[in-house]
PDB file of N, CA and C in Angstrom:
ATOM      1  N   MET A   1      47.642  28.046 -19.628  1.00  0.00           N
ATOM      2  CA  MET A   1      46.634  28.937 -19.103  1.00  0.00           C
ATOM      3  C   MET A   1      45.429  29.017 -20.036  1.00  0.00           C
ATOM      4  N   ALA A   2      45.660  29.142 -21.321  1.00  0.00           N
ATOM      5  CA  ALA A   2      44.562  29.281 -22.269  1.00  0.00           C
ATOM      6  C   ALA A   2      43.700  28.026 -22.269  1.00  0.00           C
ATOM      7  N   LEU A   3      44.324  26.846 -22.114  1.00  0.00           N
ATOM      8  CA  LEU A   3      43.582  25.597 -22.084  1.00  0.00           C
ATOM      9  C   LEU A   3      42.687  25.533 -20.847  1.00  0.00           C
ATOM     10  N   GLN A   4      43.187  25.980 -19.699  1.00  0.00           N
ATOM     11  CA  GLN A   4      42.391  25.994 -18.481  1.00  0.00           C
ATOM     12  C   GLN A   4      41.194  26.940 -18.628  1.00  0.00           C
ATOM     13  N   ALA A   5      41.433  28.092 -19.190  1.00  0.00           N
ATOM     14  CA  ALA A   5      40.356  29.068 -19.383  1.00  0.00           C
ATOM     15  C   ALA A   5      39.321  28.509 -20.353  1.00  0.00           C
ATOM     16  N   GLN A   6      39.805  27.845 -21.393  1.00  0.00           N
ATOM     17  CA  GLN A   6      38.888  27.296 -22.388  1.00  0.00           C
ATOM     18  C   GLN A   6      38.043  26.176 -21.774  1.00  0.00           C
ATOM     19  N   SER A   7      38.644  25.265 -20.989  1.00  0.00           N
ATOM     20  CA  SER A   7      37.879  24.173 -20.404  1.00  0.00           C
ATOM     21  C   SER A   7      36.922  24.685 -19.333  1.00  0.00           C
ATOM     22  N   ALA A   8      37.255  25.781 -18.686  1.00  0.00           N
ATOM     23  CA  ALA A   8      36.350  26.365 -17.688  1.00  0.00           C
ATOM     24  C   ALA A   8      35.085  26.880 -18.354  1.00  0.00           C
ATOM     25  N   ASN A   9      35.190  27.312 -19.606  1.00  0.00           N
ATOM     26  CA  ASN A   9      34.033  27.831 -20.330  1.00  0.00           C
ATOM     27  C   ASN A   9      33.163  26.724 -20.931  1.00  0.00           C
ATOM     28  N   LEU A  10      33.664  25.495 -20.925  1.00  0.00           N
ATOM     29  CA  LEU A  10      32.907  24.401 -21.526  1.00  0.00           C
ATOM     30  C   LEU A  10      31.731  23.946 -20.666  1.00  0.00           C
ATOM     31  N   GLY A  11      31.731  24.301 -19.420  1.00  0.00           N
ATOM     32  CA  GLY A  11      30.637  23.892 -18.540  1.00  0.00           C
ATOM     33  C   GLY A  11      30.928  22.552 -17.889  1.00  0.00           C
ATOM     34  N   PRO A  12      29.892  21.980 -17.305  1.00  0.00           N
ATOM     35  CA  PRO A  12      30.072  20.717 -16.582  1.00  0.00           C
ATOM     36  C   PRO A  12      30.455  19.577 -17.527  1.00  0.00           C
ATOM     37  N   SER A  13      31.196  18.634 -16.984  1.00  0.00           N
ATOM     38  CA  SER A  13      31.589  17.462 -17.760  1.00  0.00           C
ATOM     39  C   SER A  13      30.375  16.555 -17.947  1.00  0.00           C
ATOM     40  N   PRO A  14      30.452  15.620 -18.882  1.00  0.00           N
ATOM     41  CA  PRO A  14      29.344  14.668 -19.059  1.00  0.00           C
ATOM     42  C   PRO A  14      29.040  13.904 -17.767  1.00  0.00           C
ATOM     43  N   GLU A  15      30.069  13.559 -17.019  1.00  0.00           N
ATOM     44  CA  GLU A  15      29.853  12.854 -15.747  1.00  0.00           C
ATOM     45  C   GLU A  15      29.103  13.742 -14.751  1.00  0.00           C
ATOM     46  N   GLN A  16      29.475  15.017 -14.694  1.00  0.00           N
ATOM     47  CA  GLN A  16      28.781  15.943 -13.801  1.00  0.00           C
ATOM     48  C   GLN A  16      27.325  16.121 -14.218  1.00  0.00           C
ATOM     49  N   GLU A  17      27.093  16.207 -15.509  1.00  0.00           N
ATOM     50  CA  GLU A  17      25.718  16.325 -16.018  1.00  0.00           C
ATOM     51  C   GLU A  17      24.907  15.081 -15.654  1.00  0.00           C
ATOM     52  N   PHE A  18      25.525  13.915 -15.805  1.00  0.00           N
ATOM     53  CA  PHE A  18      24.855  12.667 -15.465  1.00  0.00           C
ATOM     54  C   PHE A  18      24.508  12.635 -13.982  1.00  0.00           C
ATOM     55  N   GLN A  19      25.472  12.990 -13.143  1.00  0.00           N
ATOM     56  CA  GLN A  19      25.234  13.002 -11.693  1.00  0.00           C
ATOM     57  C   GLN A  19      24.122  13.986 -11.319  1.00  0.00           C
ATOM     58  N   LYS A  20      24.087  15.106 -12.011  1.00  0.00           N
ATOM     59  CA  LYS A  20      23.049  16.098 -11.770  1.00  0.00           C
ATOM     60  C   LYS A  20      21.669  15.528 -12.110  1.00  0.00           C
ATOM     61  N   LYS A  21      21.584  14.808 -13.233  1.00  0.00           N
ATOM     62  CA  LYS A  21      20.313  14.208 -13.650  1.00  0.00           C
ATOM     63  C   LYS A  21      19.892  13.096 -12.694  1.00  0.00           C
ATOM     64  N   VAL A  22      20.843  12.278 -12.253  1.00  0.00           N
ATOM     65  CA  VAL A  22      20.538  11.218 -11.293  1.00  0.00           C
ATOM     66  C   VAL A  22      20.026  11.828  -9.983  1.00  0.00           C
ATOM     67  N   ALA A  23      20.655  12.913  -9.548  1.00  0.00           N
ATOM     68  CA  ALA A  23      20.230  13.582  -8.319  1.00  0.00           C
ATOM     69  C   ALA A  23      18.793  14.107  -8.460  1.00  0.00           C
ATOM     70  N   GLU A  24      18.459  14.650  -9.613  1.00  0.00           N
ATOM     71  CA  GLU A  24      17.097  15.155  -9.838  1.00  0.00           C
ATOM     72  C   GLU A  24      16.090  14.005  -9.840  1.00  0.00           C
ATOM     73  N   VAL A  25      16.435  12.912 -10.486  1.00  0.00           N
ATOM     74  CA  VAL A  25      15.551  11.740 -10.471  1.00  0.00           C
ATOM     75  C   VAL A  25      15.392  11.244  -9.033  1.00  0.00           C
ATOM     76  N   GLY A  26      16.465  11.267  -8.267  1.00  0.00           N
ATOM     77  CA  GLY A  26      16.407  10.872  -6.865  1.00  0.00           C
ATOM     78  C   GLY A  26      15.475  11.758  -6.057  1.00  0.00           C
ATOM     79  N   ARG A  27      15.505  13.048  -6.316  1.00  0.00           N
ATOM     80  CA  ARG A  27      14.603  13.973  -5.613  1.00  0.00           C
ATOM     81  C   ARG A  27      13.141  13.705  -5.992  1.00  0.00           C
ATOM     82  N   ARG A  28      12.897  13.467  -7.278  1.00  0.00           N
ATOM     83  CA  ARG A  28      11.521  13.155  -7.711  1.00  0.00           C
ATOM     84  C   ARG A  28      11.053  11.837  -7.089  1.00  0.00           C
ATOM     85  N   PHE A  29      11.941  10.866  -7.069  1.00  0.00           N
ATOM     86  CA  PHE A  29      11.620   9.575  -6.457  1.00  0.00           C
ATOM     87  C   PHE A  29      11.282   9.764  -4.983  1.00  0.00           C
ATOM     88  N   SER A  30      12.109  10.515  -4.287  1.00  0.00           N
ATOM     89  CA  SER A  30      11.880  10.780  -2.863  1.00  0.00           C
ATOM     90  C   SER A  30      10.535  11.467  -2.633  1.00  0.00           C
ATOM     91  N   ARG A  31      10.210  12.423  -3.501  1.00  0.00           N
ATOM     92  CA  ARG A  31       8.930  13.130  -3.370  1.00  0.00           C
ATOM     93  C   ARG A  31       7.734  12.221  -3.669  1.00  0.00           C
ATOM     94  N   SER A  32       7.953  11.146  -4.428  1.00  0.00           N
ATOM     95  CA  SER A  32       6.856  10.229  -4.761  1.00  0.00           C
ATOM     96  C   SER A  32       6.594   9.204  -3.652  1.00  0.00           C
ATOM     97  N   LEU A  33       7.507   9.084  -2.719  1.00  0.00           N
ATOM     98  CA  LEU A  33       7.375   8.042  -1.701  1.00  0.00           C
ATOM     99  C   LEU A  33       6.161   8.196  -0.794  1.00  0.00           C
ATOM    100  N   PRO A  34       5.813   9.398  -0.343  1.00  0.00           N
ATOM    101  CA  PRO A  34       4.617   9.487   0.508  1.00  0.00           C
ATOM    102  C   PRO A  34       3.354   8.943  -0.179  1.00  0.00           C
ATOM    103  N   GLU A  35       3.187   9.264  -1.449  1.00  0.00           N
ATOM    104  CA  GLU A  35       2.028   8.766  -2.185  1.00  0.00           C
ATOM    105  C   GLU A  35       2.094   7.242  -2.331  1.00  0.00           C
ATOM    106  N   GLN A  36       3.276   6.728  -2.607  1.00  0.00           N
ATOM    107  CA  GLN A  36       3.439   5.279  -2.713  1.00  0.00           C
ATOM    108  C   GLN A  36       3.157   4.595  -1.375  1.00  0.00           C
ATOM    109  N   LEU A  37       3.561   5.250  -0.299  1.00  0.00           N
ATOM    110  CA  LEU A  37       3.334   4.703   1.039  1.00  0.00           C
ATOM    111  C   LEU A  37       1.838   4.634   1.342  1.00  0.00           C
ATOM    112  N   VAL A  38       1.089   5.646   0.944  1.00  0.00           N
ATOM    113  CA  VAL A  38      -0.369   5.631   1.130  1.00  0.00           C
ATOM    114  C   VAL A  38      -0.985   4.486   0.328  1.00  0.00           C
ATOM    115  N   GLU A  39      -0.540   4.337  -0.910  1.00  0.00           N
ATOM    116  CA  GLU A  39      -1.059   3.258  -1.762  1.00  0.00           C
ATOM    117  C   GLU A  39      -0.735   1.892  -1.157  1.00  0.00           C
ATOM    118  N   MET A  40       0.492   1.735  -0.696  1.00  0.00           N
ATOM    119  CA  MET A  40       0.897   0.473  -0.095  1.00  0.00           C
ATOM    120  C   MET A  40       0.102   0.206   1.181  1.00  0.00           C
ATOM    121  N   GLY A  41      -0.167   1.249   1.960  1.00  0.00           N
ATOM    122  CA  GLY A  41      -0.970   1.109   3.166  1.00  0.00           C
ATOM    123  C   GLY A  41      -2.390   0.651   2.866  1.00  0.00           C
ATOM    124  N   ALA A  42      -2.955   1.179   1.797  1.00  0.00           N
ATOM    125  CA  ALA A  42      -4.310   0.770   1.391  1.00  0.00           C
ATOM    126  C   ALA A  42      -4.316  -0.708   0.991  1.00  0.00           C
ATOM    127  N   LEU A  43      -3.278  -1.140   0.301  1.00  0.00           N
ATOM    128  CA  LEU A  43      -3.180  -2.553  -0.068  1.00  0.00           C
ATOM    129  C   LEU A  43      -3.026  -3.423   1.174  1.00  0.00           C
ATOM    130  N   PHE A  44      -2.219  -2.962   2.118  1.00  0.00           N
ATOM    131  CA  PHE A  44      -2.011  -3.703   3.363  1.00  0.00           C
ATOM    132  C   PHE A  44      -3.332  -3.839   4.124  1.00  0.00           C
ATOM    133  N   THR A  45      -4.124  -2.782   4.156  1.00  0.00           N
ATOM    134  CA  THR A  45      -5.430  -2.820   4.816  1.00  0.00           C
ATOM    135  C   THR A  45      -6.333  -3.851   4.158  1.00  0.00           C
ATOM    136  N   ARG A  46      -6.310  -3.915   2.838  1.00  0.00           N
ATOM    137  CA  ARG A  46      -7.109  -4.922   2.127  1.00  0.00           C
ATOM    138  C   ARG A  46      -6.696  -6.327   2.533  1.00  0.00           C
ATOM    139  N   ILE A  47      -5.402  -6.547   2.716  1.00  0.00           N
ATOM    140  CA  ILE A  47      -4.930  -7.864   3.141  1.00  0.00           C
ATOM    141  C   ILE A  47      -5.457  -8.161   4.541  1.00  0.00           C
ATOM    142  N   GLN A  48      -5.346  -7.199   5.437  1.00  0.00           N
ATOM    143  CA  GLN A  48      -5.822  -7.389   6.805  1.00  0.00           C
ATOM    144  C   GLN A  48      -7.313  -7.698   6.855  1.00  0.00           C
ATOM    145  N   GLU A  49      -8.062  -7.070   5.970  1.00  0.00           N
ATOM    146  CA  GLU A  49      -9.518  -7.248   5.942  1.00  0.00           C
ATOM    147  C   GLU A  49      -9.952  -8.435   5.096  1.00  0.00           C
ATOM    148  N   GLY A  50      -9.010  -9.057   4.408  1.00  0.00           N
ATOM    149  CA  GLY A  50      -9.334 -10.204   3.566  1.00  0.00           C
ATOM    150  C   GLY A  50     -10.061  -9.835   2.290  1.00  0.00           C
ATOM    151  N   ARG A  51      -9.956  -8.572   1.878  1.00  0.00           N
ATOM    152  CA  ARG A  51     -10.608  -8.118   0.644  1.00  0.00           C
ATOM    153  C   ARG A  51      -9.612  -8.208  -0.504  1.00  0.00           C
ATOM    154  N   GLU A  52      -9.853  -9.152  -1.400  1.00  0.00           N
ATOM    155  CA  GLU A  52      -8.972  -9.328  -2.558  1.00  0.00           C
ATOM    156  C   GLU A  52      -7.510  -9.349  -2.116  1.00  0.00           C
ATOM    157  N   ALA A  53      -7.258 -10.153  -1.086  1.00  0.00           N
ATOM    158  CA  ALA A  53      -5.932 -10.187  -0.466  1.00  0.00           C
ATOM    159  C   ALA A  53      -4.843 -10.618  -1.443  1.00  0.00           C
ATOM    160  N   ALA A  54      -5.130 -11.572  -2.304  1.00  0.00           N
ATOM    161  CA  ALA A  54      -4.112 -12.035  -3.251  1.00  0.00           C
ATOM    162  C   ALA A  54      -3.702 -10.915  -4.206  1.00  0.00           C
ATOM    163  N   ASP A  55      -4.685 -10.174  -4.687  1.00  0.00           N
ATOM    164  CA  ASP A  55      -4.376  -9.048  -5.573  1.00  0.00           C
ATOM    165  C   ASP A  55      -3.607  -7.957  -4.828  1.00  0.00           C
ATOM    166  N   ALA A  56      -4.011  -7.706  -3.586  1.00  0.00           N
ATOM    167  CA  ALA A  56      -3.322  -6.687  -2.785  1.00  0.00           C
ATOM    168  C   ALA A  56      -1.880  -7.108  -2.506  1.00  0.00           C
ATOM    169  N   LEU A  57      -1.680  -8.386  -2.200  1.00  0.00           N
ATOM    170  CA  LEU A  57      -0.329  -8.891  -1.955  1.00  0.00           C
ATOM    171  C   LEU A  57       0.521  -8.762  -3.218  1.00  0.00           C
ATOM    172  N   ALA A  58      -0.073  -9.069  -4.358  1.00  0.00           N
ATOM    173  CA  ALA A  58       0.646  -8.908  -5.628  1.00  0.00           C
ATOM    174  C   ALA A  58       0.981  -7.439  -5.875  1.00  0.00           C
ATOM    175  N   GLY A  59       0.082  -6.539  -5.504  1.00  0.00           N
ATOM    176  CA  GLY A  59       0.350  -5.110  -5.664  1.00  0.00           C
ATOM    177  C   GLY A  59       1.512  -4.650  -4.806  1.00  0.00           C
ATOM    178  N   ILE A  60       1.543  -5.108  -3.564  1.00  0.00           N
ATOM    179  CA  ILE A  60       2.661  -4.742  -2.678  1.00  0.00           C
ATOM    180  C   ILE A  60       3.957  -5.342  -3.208  1.00  0.00           C
ATOM    181  N   ARG A  61       3.891  -6.570  -3.683  1.00  0.00           N
ATOM    182  CA  ARG A  61       5.108  -7.200  -4.235  1.00  0.00           C
ATOM    183  C   ARG A  61       5.618  -6.394  -5.433  1.00  0.00           C
ATOM    184  N   GLY A  62       4.714  -5.954  -6.298  1.00  0.00           N
ATOM    185  CA  GLY A  62       5.122  -5.162  -7.454  1.00  0.00           C
ATOM    186  C   GLY A  62       5.771  -3.850  -7.048  1.00  0.00           C
ATOM    187  N   MET A  63       5.186  -3.203  -6.046  1.00  0.00           N
ATOM    188  CA  MET A  63       5.769  -1.943  -5.567  1.00  0.00           C
ATOM    189  C   MET A  63       7.150  -2.190  -4.966  1.00  0.00           C
ATOM    190  N   ALA A  64       7.260  -3.247  -4.160  1.00  0.00           N
ATOM    191  CA  ALA A  64       8.547  -3.573  -3.543  1.00  0.00           C
ATOM    192  C   ALA A  64       9.584  -3.881  -4.624  1.00  0.00           C
ATOM    193  N   HIS A  65       9.166  -4.587  -5.660  1.00  0.00           N
ATOM    194  CA  HIS A  65      10.082  -4.933  -6.754  1.00  0.00           C
ATOM    195  C   HIS A  65      10.631  -3.673  -7.436  1.00  0.00           C
ATOM    196  N   LYS A  66       9.752  -2.741  -7.713  1.00  0.00           N
ATOM    197  CA  LYS A  66      10.189  -1.498  -8.365  1.00  0.00           C
ATOM    198  C   LYS A  66      11.133  -0.703  -7.467  1.00  0.00           C
ATOM    199  N   ILE A  67      10.780  -0.606  -6.194  1.00  0.00           N
ATOM    200  CA  ILE A  67      11.636   0.127  -5.251  1.00  0.00           C
ATOM    201  C   ILE A  67      12.977  -0.575  -5.101  1.00  0.00           C
ATOM    202  N   ARG A  68      12.938  -1.900  -5.034  1.00  0.00           N
ATOM    203  CA  ARG A  68      14.163  -2.694  -4.927  1.00  0.00           C
ATOM    204  C   ARG A  68      15.113  -2.387  -6.079  1.00  0.00           C
ATOM    205  N   GLY A  69      14.557  -2.219  -7.252  1.00  0.00           N
ATOM    206  CA  GLY A  69      15.392  -1.989  -8.425  1.00  0.00           C
ATOM    207  C   GLY A  69      15.952  -0.581  -8.523  1.00  0.00           C
ATOM    208  N   ILE A  70      15.155   0.414  -8.230  1.00  0.00           N
ATOM    209  CA  ILE A  70      15.576   1.796  -8.481  1.00  0.00           C
ATOM    210  C   ILE A  70      16.259   2.459  -7.296  1.00  0.00           C
ATOM    211  N   ALA A  71      15.833   2.137  -6.082  1.00  0.00           N
ATOM    212  CA  ALA A  71      16.315   2.862  -4.900  1.00  0.00           C
ATOM    213  C   ALA A  71      17.843   2.870  -4.764  1.00  0.00           C
ATOM    214  N   PRO A  72      18.519   1.720  -4.877  1.00  0.00           N
ATOM    215  CA  PRO A  72      19.980   1.759  -4.713  1.00  0.00           C
ATOM    216  C   PRO A  72      20.679   2.620  -5.765  1.00  0.00           C
ATOM    217  N   THR A  73      20.146   2.633  -6.974  1.00  0.00           N
ATOM    218  CA  THR A  73      20.736   3.434  -8.043  1.00  0.00           C
ATOM    219  C   THR A  73      20.674   4.918  -7.721  1.00  0.00           C
ATOM    220  N   LEU A  74      19.643   5.297  -6.982  1.00  0.00           N
ATOM    221  CA  LEU A  74      19.434   6.710  -6.664  1.00  0.00           C
ATOM    222  C   LEU A  74      19.983   7.097  -5.295  1.00  0.00           C
ATOM    223  N   GLY A  75      20.726   6.195  -4.676  1.00  0.00           N
ATOM    224  CA  GLY A  75      21.370   6.509  -3.399  1.00  0.00           C
ATOM    225  C   GLY A  75      20.564   6.138  -2.173  1.00  0.00           C
ATOM    226  N   PHE A  76      19.524   5.319  -2.342  1.00  0.00           N
ATOM    227  CA  PHE A  76      18.696   4.889  -1.228  1.00  0.00           C
ATOM    228  C   PHE A  76      18.912   3.398  -0.981  1.00  0.00           C
ATOM    229  N   GLY A  77      20.130   3.045  -0.606  1.00  0.00           N
ATOM    230  CA  GLY A  77      20.498   1.644  -0.434  1.00  0.00           C
ATOM    231  C   GLY A  77      19.679   0.921   0.615  1.00  0.00           C
ATOM    232  N   ASP A  78      19.457   1.551   1.767  1.00  0.00           N
ATOM    233  CA  ASP A  78      18.679   0.904   2.829  1.00  0.00           C
ATOM    234  C   ASP A  78      17.237   0.669   2.392  1.00  0.00           C
ATOM    235  N   LEU A  79      16.701   1.579   1.636  1.00  0.00           N
ATOM    236  CA  LEU A  79      15.343   1.431   1.118  1.00  0.00           C
ATOM    237  C   LEU A  79      15.288   0.244   0.156  1.00  0.00           C
ATOM    238  N   GLY A  80      16.278   0.138  -0.710  1.00  0.00           N
ATOM    239  CA  GLY A  80      16.332  -0.988  -1.640  1.00  0.00           C
ATOM    240  C   GLY A  80      16.434  -2.317  -0.913  1.00  0.00           C
ATOM    241  N   THR A  81      17.227  -2.348   0.151  1.00  0.00           N
ATOM    242  CA  THR A  81      17.379  -3.576   0.940  1.00  0.00           C
ATOM    243  C   THR A  81      16.064  -3.954   1.612  1.00  0.00           C
ATOM    244  N   ALA A  82      15.382  -2.977   2.186  1.00  0.00           N
ATOM    245  CA  ALA A  82      14.093  -3.249   2.839  1.00  0.00           C
ATOM    246  C   ALA A  82      13.073  -3.760   1.819  1.00  0.00           C
ATOM    247  N   ALA A  83      13.058  -3.167   0.648  1.00  0.00           N
ATOM    248  CA  ALA A  83      12.130  -3.598  -0.404  1.00  0.00           C
ATOM    249  C   ALA A  83      12.454  -5.021  -0.854  1.00  0.00           C
ATOM    250  N   ALA A  84      13.732  -5.340  -0.957  1.00  0.00           N
ATOM    251  CA  ALA A  84      14.149  -6.691  -1.362  1.00  0.00           C
ATOM    252  C   ALA A  84      13.685  -7.722  -0.343  1.00  0.00           C
ATOM    253  N   ARG A  85      13.838  -7.409   0.925  1.00  0.00           N
ATOM    254  CA  ARG A  85      13.407  -8.349   1.971  1.00  0.00           C
ATOM    255  C   ARG A  85      11.899  -8.593   1.902  1.00  0.00           C
ATOM    256  N   LEU A  86      11.139  -7.531   1.694  1.00  0.00           N
ATOM    257  CA  LEU A  86       9.691  -7.699   1.606  1.00  0.00           C
ATOM    258  C   LEU A  86       9.322  -8.498   0.359  1.00  0.00           C
ATOM    259  N   GLU A  87       9.906  -8.163  -0.765  1.00  0.00           N
ATOM    260  CA  GLU A  87       9.588  -8.889  -1.999  1.00  0.00           C
ATOM    261  C   GLU A  87       9.938 -10.371  -1.852  1.00  0.00           C
ATOM    262  N   ASP A  88      11.093 -10.669  -1.287  1.00  0.00           N
ATOM    263  CA  ASP A  88      11.496 -12.061  -1.104  1.00  0.00           C
ATOM    264  C   ASP A  88      10.553 -12.799  -0.160  1.00  0.00           C
ATOM    265  N   THR A  89      10.080 -12.111   0.867  1.00  0.00           N
ATOM    266  CA  THR A  89       9.140 -12.715   1.805  1.00  0.00           C
ATOM    267  C   THR A  89       7.817 -13.030   1.113  1.00  0.00           C
ATOM    268  N   ILE A  90       7.344 -12.107   0.310  1.00  0.00           N
ATOM    269  CA  ILE A  90       6.098 -12.344  -0.422  1.00  0.00           C
ATOM    270  C   ILE A  90       6.274 -13.500  -1.397  1.00  0.00           C
ATOM    271  N   PHE A  91       7.405 -13.551  -2.059  1.00  0.00           N
ATOM    272  CA  PHE A  91       7.674 -14.649  -2.992  1.00  0.00           C
ATOM    273  C   PHE A  91       7.639 -15.988  -2.263  1.00  0.00           C
ATOM    274  N   ALA A  92       8.147 -16.018  -1.029  1.00  0.00           N
ATOM    275  CA  ALA A  92       8.200 -17.265  -0.262  1.00  0.00           C
ATOM    276  C   ALA A  92       6.812 -17.817   0.043  1.00  0.00           C
ATOM    277  N   PHE A  93       5.783 -16.960   0.006  1.00  0.00           N
ATOM    278  CA  PHE A  93       4.418 -17.440   0.233  1.00  0.00           C
ATOM    279  C   PHE A  93       4.009 -18.462  -0.827  1.00  0.00           C
ATOM    280  N   SER A  94       4.635 -18.404  -1.980  1.00  0.00           N
ATOM    281  CA  SER A  94       4.240 -19.298  -3.065  1.00  0.00           C
ATOM    282  C   SER A  94       5.005 -20.618  -3.069  1.00  0.00           C
ATOM    283  N   THR A  95       5.907 -20.820  -2.120  1.00  0.00           N
ATOM    284  CA  THR A  95       6.649 -22.080  -2.073  1.00  0.00           C
ATOM    285  C   THR A  95       5.843 -23.122  -1.309  1.00  0.00           C
ATOM    286  N   PRO A  96       5.970 -24.405  -1.695  1.00  0.00           N
ATOM    287  CA  PRO A  96       5.106 -25.446  -1.147  1.00  0.00           C
ATOM    288  C   PRO A  96       5.213 -25.674   0.371  1.00  0.00           C
ATOM    289  N   ASP A  97       6.382 -25.598   0.938  1.00  0.00           N
ATOM    290  CA  ASP A  97       6.562 -25.929   2.353  1.00  0.00           C
ATOM    291  C   ASP A  97       6.549 -24.701   3.258  1.00  0.00           C
ATOM    292  N   THR A  98       5.757 -23.738   2.919  1.00  0.00           N
ATOM    293  CA  THR A  98       5.722 -22.483   3.666  1.00  0.00           C
ATOM    294  C   THR A  98       4.997 -22.658   4.992  1.00  0.00           C
ATOM    295  N   ASP A  99       5.601 -22.169   6.060  1.00  0.00           N
ATOM    296  CA  ASP A  99       4.937 -22.059   7.365  1.00  0.00           C
ATOM    297  C   ASP A  99       4.253 -20.689   7.347  1.00  0.00           C
ATOM    298  N   TYR A 100       2.953 -20.688   7.083  1.00  0.00           N
ATOM    299  CA  TYR A 100       2.251 -19.429   6.864  1.00  0.00           C
ATOM    300  C   TYR A 100       2.222 -18.533   8.094  1.00  0.00           C
ATOM    301  N   GLY A 101       2.187 -19.124   9.296  1.00  0.00           N
ATOM    302  CA  GLY A 101       2.230 -18.301  10.501  1.00  0.00           C
ATOM    303  C   GLY A 101       3.525 -17.526  10.591  1.00  0.00           C
ATOM    304  N   ASP A 102       4.639 -18.217  10.363  1.00  0.00           N
ATOM    305  CA  ASP A 102       5.956 -17.574  10.383  1.00  0.00           C
ATOM    306  C   ASP A 102       6.076 -16.553   9.252  1.00  0.00           C
ATOM    307  N   MET A 103       5.572 -16.915   8.076  1.00  0.00           N
ATOM    308  CA  MET A 103       5.671 -16.014   6.922  1.00  0.00           C
ATOM    309  C   MET A 103       4.829 -14.760   7.139  1.00  0.00           C
ATOM    310  N   ALA A 104       3.671 -14.912   7.760  1.00  0.00           N
ATOM    311  CA  ALA A 104       2.823 -13.740   8.020  1.00  0.00           C
ATOM    312  C   ALA A 104       3.539 -12.763   8.948  1.00  0.00           C
ATOM    313  N   GLN A 105       4.211 -13.302   9.966  1.00  0.00           N
ATOM    314  CA  GLN A 105       4.968 -12.439  10.881  1.00  0.00           C
ATOM    315  C   GLN A 105       6.113 -11.750  10.147  1.00  0.00           C
ATOM    316  N   LYS A 106       6.821 -12.492   9.285  1.00  0.00           N
ATOM    317  CA  LYS A 106       7.912 -11.903   8.507  1.00  0.00           C
ATOM    318  C   LYS A 106       7.372 -10.831   7.565  1.00  0.00           C
ATOM    319  N   PHE A 107       6.232 -11.132   6.942  1.00  0.00           N
ATOM    320  CA  PHE A 107       5.636 -10.158   6.027  1.00  0.00           C
ATOM    321  C   PHE A 107       5.357  -8.850   6.752  1.00  0.00           C
ATOM    322  N   VAL A 108       4.700  -8.929   7.895  1.00  0.00           N
ATOM    323  CA  VAL A 108       4.359  -7.717   8.639  1.00  0.00           C
ATOM    324  C   VAL A 108       5.630  -6.979   9.057  1.00  0.00           C
ATOM    325  N   ARG A 109       6.629  -7.712   9.537  1.00  0.00           N
ATOM    326  CA  ARG A 109       7.884  -7.088   9.968  1.00  0.00           C
ATOM    327  C   ARG A 109       8.589  -6.400   8.798  1.00  0.00           C
ATOM    328  N   HIS A 110       8.671  -7.087   7.660  1.00  0.00           N
ATOM    329  CA  HIS A 110       9.356  -6.501   6.502  1.00  0.00           C
ATOM    330  C   HIS A 110       8.532  -5.393   5.848  1.00  0.00           C
ATOM    331  N   TYR A 111       7.211  -5.535   5.901  1.00  0.00           N
ATOM    332  CA  TYR A 111       6.354  -4.454   5.410  1.00  0.00           C
ATOM    333  C   TYR A 111       6.609  -3.188   6.227  1.00  0.00           C
ATOM    334  N   GLN A 112       6.622  -3.326   7.546  1.00  0.00           N
ATOM    335  CA  GLN A 112       6.827  -2.169   8.421  1.00  0.00           C
ATOM    336  C   GLN A 112       8.214  -1.564   8.215  1.00  0.00           C
ATOM    337  N   ALA A 113       9.221  -2.422   8.029  1.00  0.00           N
ATOM    338  CA  ALA A 113      10.580  -1.923   7.790  1.00  0.00           C
ATOM    339  C   ALA A 113      10.634  -1.115   6.494  1.00  0.00           C
ATOM    340  N   LEU A 114       9.957  -1.595   5.456  1.00  0.00           N
ATOM    341  CA  LEU A 114       9.942  -0.850   4.195  1.00  0.00           C
ATOM    342  C   LEU A 114       9.194   0.462   4.372  1.00  0.00           C
ATOM    343  N   ALA A 115       8.068   0.436   5.048  1.00  0.00           N
ATOM    344  CA  ALA A 115       7.308   1.660   5.275  1.00  0.00           C
ATOM    345  C   ALA A 115       8.153   2.677   6.052  1.00  0.00           C
ATOM    346  N   ASP A 116       8.890   2.201   7.049  1.00  0.00           N
ATOM    347  CA  ASP A 116       9.759   3.099   7.826  1.00  0.00           C
ATOM    348  C   ASP A 116      10.848   3.693   6.948  1.00  0.00           C
ATOM    349  N   GLU A 117      11.466   2.885   6.104  1.00  0.00           N
ATOM    350  CA  GLU A 117      12.523   3.373   5.206  1.00  0.00           C
ATOM    351  C   GLU A 117      11.953   4.362   4.181  1.00  0.00           C
ATOM    352  N   MET A 118      10.748   4.090   3.701  1.00  0.00           N
ATOM    353  CA  MET A 118      10.119   5.019   2.755  1.00  0.00           C
ATOM    354  C   MET A 118       9.890   6.376   3.432  1.00  0.00           C
ATOM    355  N   SER A 119       9.426   6.345   4.668  1.00  0.00           N
ATOM    356  CA  SER A 119       9.196   7.592   5.391  1.00  0.00           C
ATOM    357  C   SER A 119      10.505   8.354   5.597  1.00  0.00           C
ATOM    358  N   ARG A 120      11.557   7.638   5.961  1.00  0.00           N
ATOM    359  CA  ARG A 120      12.863   8.290   6.147  1.00  0.00           C
ATOM    360  C   ARG A 120      13.381   8.895   4.850  1.00  0.00           C
ATOM    361  N   ALA A 121      13.269   8.129   3.770  1.00  0.00           N
ATOM    362  CA  ALA A 121      13.783   8.595   2.478  1.00  0.00           C
ATOM    363  C   ALA A 121      12.984   9.782   1.951  1.00  0.00           C
ATOM    364  N   ALA A 122      11.724   9.859   2.326  1.00  0.00           N
ATOM    365  CA  ALA A 122      10.875  10.953   1.849  1.00  0.00           C
ATOM    366  C   ALA A 122      11.126  12.251   2.597  1.00  0.00           C
ATOM    367  N   SER A 123      11.760  12.163   3.768  1.00  0.00           N
ATOM    368  CA  SER A 123      11.946  13.395   4.563  1.00  0.00           C
ATOM    369  C   SER A 123      13.284  14.054   4.308  1.00  0.00           C
TER     370      SER A 123
END
């Protein structure tokens, strides 16, 4: 009995503390998604308008890469998967035998899927 009472007074375990911190980081990440979505949308518009499209594409790839890495760790597996698909599609633009018409369609589809997942994760 004394051991149970003593351990109850020790507070949360290190694992519980870690999970609590991960959950807080996840909430901050989720709250940052609307702003990231606006930024990504602005980059997408630049691509559509042909204004510094290569730089804009690199910016979207960088954002997708970061989301791909962190989202699954924070419990946003579908978001990480969508980001991975977009990043991989953008990477494929740099391969020599790329069918650009097909890749452009894939890019738009995967971009929209990531944007949809970001919106879901933010709500």
